[in-house]
Amino acid sequence: MGAQNGKDLLVKVDLTGDGQFETIAGLRATRISFNAESVDVTSLESQGGWRELLGGAGVKSAAIFGSGVFRDAGTDERARQIFFDGETPDFQVIIPDFGTVEGAFQIAAIEYAGSHNGEATYEMSMASAGALTFTAA
C-alpha cells in the first residue's frame, strides 16, 4: 500500500437507518483507533516468570475522532441529534486502499470553537457500541 491522501479517510453516518451512509460535513481531520484489552493469566508457574495472556479474551473497542469546519449541514444536525438523544447508529470509516469499518458508535463528545477572525470549528469523538465489521478494499 502506497502513500494515501488524508482527505480520503472518510467518516460516514447512516442518516435514517436505511443503510445509506453520508459523509459528515466539514471534517478536515479524522482518526480511528482500535483497542483489544489483554487478560493477564500469569501465575507462579509461568515459564521464566514471563507474563501470559489469555488469547481471544478481553474487550475490543474502537474510537473515531474528527475535527473540521462547522457547516450547519444535514449531517451536522444529525450528529447533534445523535448526541443529545444518546443514539448508537451505524457509522462507516473508509480507510483508503485498506477497507471499510462499519458498526454502531455513540457520539461521546462534540466540541464547538471559534475565534474572532476565523471560522467556527468542531471536534467530535465516537466510541464503538457493538460488534464492528471490516470489509477489505
Protein backbone atom coordinates (compact mmCIF):
# COMPACT_ATOMS: atom_id res chain seq x y z
CA MET A 1 0.00 0.00 0.00
CA GLY A 2 1.47 3.33 -1.06
CA ALA A 3 1.02 6.78 0.41
CA GLN A 4 -2.57 7.99 0.61
CA ASN A 5 -4.30 11.35 0.80
CA GLY A 6 -5.53 12.04 4.33
CA LYS A 7 -8.72 13.53 2.91
CA ASP A 8 -9.64 10.08 1.58
CA LEU A 9 -10.16 8.70 5.10
CA LEU A 10 -13.89 9.30 5.36
CA VAL A 11 -16.29 9.10 8.30
CA LYS A 12 -19.89 8.50 7.26
CA VAL A 13 -23.13 8.18 9.22
CA ASP A 14 -26.34 6.35 8.41
CA LEU A 15 -28.70 9.32 8.49
CA THR A 16 -32.01 7.45 8.52
CA GLY A 17 -31.25 3.84 9.46
CA ASP A 18 -31.76 2.58 5.90
CA GLY A 19 -28.12 1.72 5.22
CA GLN A 20 -27.42 4.84 3.13
CA PHE A 21 -24.29 6.48 4.52
CA GLU A 22 -23.37 10.13 4.08
CA THR A 23 -20.01 11.76 4.78
CA ILE A 24 -20.09 14.02 7.83
CA ALA A 25 -19.85 17.58 6.53
CA GLY A 26 -16.87 19.79 7.14
CA LEU A 27 -14.45 17.19 8.50
CA ARG A 28 -10.84 18.07 7.76
CA ALA A 29 -9.02 15.65 10.04
CA THR A 30 -10.10 12.15 11.02
CA ARG A 31 -8.63 9.28 13.00
CA ILE A 32 -9.76 5.79 14.01
CA SER A 33 -8.15 3.68 16.69
CA PHE A 34 -8.67 0.07 17.72
CA ASN A 35 -8.02 -1.46 21.11
CA ALA A 36 -8.08 -5.00 22.48
CA GLU A 37 -7.65 -5.24 26.23
CA SER A 38 -5.46 -8.06 27.40
CA VAL A 39 -6.35 -10.55 30.13
CA ASP A 40 -3.32 -11.41 32.23
CA VAL A 41 -3.23 -15.07 33.35
CA THR A 42 0.33 -15.04 34.65
CA SER A 43 0.95 -17.27 37.66
CA LEU A 44 3.84 -18.51 39.77
CA GLU A 45 4.12 -21.37 37.31
CA SER A 46 4.54 -19.12 34.23
CA GLN A 47 7.66 -20.16 32.36
CA GLY A 48 10.61 -17.98 33.29
CA GLY A 49 8.32 -15.52 35.08
CA TRP A 50 7.09 -14.18 31.76
CA ARG A 51 3.65 -12.69 31.52
CA GLU A 52 1.00 -14.89 29.92
CA LEU A 53 -2.09 -13.51 28.18
CA LEU A 54 -5.34 -15.30 27.52
CA GLY A 55 -5.89 -15.28 23.76
CA GLY A 56 -9.28 -14.25 22.46
CA ALA A 57 -10.33 -12.70 25.77
CA GLY A 58 -10.77 -9.07 26.76
CA VAL A 59 -12.89 -6.23 25.47
CA LYS A 60 -12.39 -4.94 21.93
CA SER A 61 -13.22 -1.34 21.17
CA ALA A 62 -12.77 1.31 18.53
CA ALA A 63 -12.84 5.09 18.67
CA ILE A 64 -13.30 7.64 15.91
CA PHE A 65 -12.09 11.21 16.20
CA GLY A 66 -12.81 14.02 13.78
CA SER A 67 -12.43 17.75 13.54
CA GLY A 68 -13.44 20.25 10.96
CA VAL A 69 -15.30 23.36 9.96
CA PHE A 70 -18.85 23.86 11.18
CA ARG A 71 -21.09 23.87 8.09
CA ASP A 72 -24.59 23.54 9.59
CA ALA A 73 -25.43 20.86 7.04
CA GLY A 74 -27.82 17.94 7.45
CA THR A 75 -25.07 15.73 8.84
CA ASP A 76 -24.20 18.38 11.46
CA GLU A 77 -27.81 18.41 12.58
CA ARG A 78 -27.94 14.61 12.66
CA ALA A 79 -24.74 14.43 14.73
CA ARG A 80 -26.22 16.83 17.29
CA GLN A 81 -29.42 14.77 17.40
CA ILE A 82 -27.45 11.52 17.86
CA PHE A 83 -25.52 13.06 20.76
CA PHE A 84 -28.47 14.58 22.60
CA ASP A 85 -30.71 11.54 22.07
CA GLY A 86 -27.96 9.10 23.10
CA GLU A 87 -28.44 7.07 19.91
CA THR A 88 -25.98 4.49 18.55
CA PRO A 89 -26.49 4.47 14.77
CA ASP A 90 -24.20 2.80 12.27
CA PHE A 91 -21.14 4.64 11.06
CA GLN A 92 -18.67 3.77 8.31
CA VAL A 93 -15.00 4.62 8.22
CA ILE A 94 -13.43 4.26 4.82
CA ILE A 95 -9.68 3.74 5.02
CA PRO A 96 -8.21 4.19 1.52
CA ASP A 97 -6.67 1.07 -0.04
CA PHE A 98 -7.29 -0.80 3.22
CA GLY A 99 -11.02 -1.28 3.69
CA THR A 100 -14.20 -0.18 5.41
CA VAL A 101 -15.06 -0.49 9.09
CA GLU A 102 -18.77 -0.40 9.88
CA GLY A 103 -20.87 -0.64 13.01
CA ALA A 104 -22.69 1.15 15.79
CA PHE A 105 -20.99 4.08 17.50
CA GLN A 106 -22.08 6.54 20.15
CA ILE A 107 -21.04 10.17 19.87
CA ALA A 108 -19.21 10.63 23.16
CA ALA A 109 -18.30 14.30 22.77
CA ILE A 110 -18.87 17.28 20.50
CA GLU A 111 -16.93 20.49 20.98
CA TYR A 112 -17.52 23.74 19.11
CA ALA A 113 -15.00 26.56 18.93
CA GLY A 114 -14.39 29.75 17.04
CA SER A 115 -12.18 32.76 17.09
CA HIS A 116 -12.96 36.39 16.40
CA ASN A 117 -11.27 36.37 13.00
CA GLY A 118 -11.66 32.72 11.99
CA GLU A 119 -14.15 30.04 11.11
CA ALA A 120 -16.31 28.10 13.56
CA THR A 121 -14.86 24.63 14.08
CA TYR A 122 -15.89 21.45 15.83
CA GLU A 123 -14.37 18.27 17.19
CA MET A 124 -16.22 15.03 17.67
CA SER A 125 -15.30 11.72 19.29
CA MET A 126 -17.23 8.49 18.91
CA ALA A 127 -16.98 5.19 20.80
CA SER A 128 -17.89 1.79 19.39
CA ALA A 129 -21.19 0.47 20.72
CA GLY A 130 -21.24 -3.11 19.43
CA ALA A 131 -19.57 -5.51 17.05
CA LEU A 132 -17.81 -3.99 14.05
CA THR A 133 -17.35 -5.45 10.61
CA PHE A 134 -14.36 -4.98 8.33
CA THR A 135 -14.52 -5.29 4.57
CA ALA A 136 -11.17 -5.26 2.80
CA ALA A 137 -10.72 -2.89 -0.14
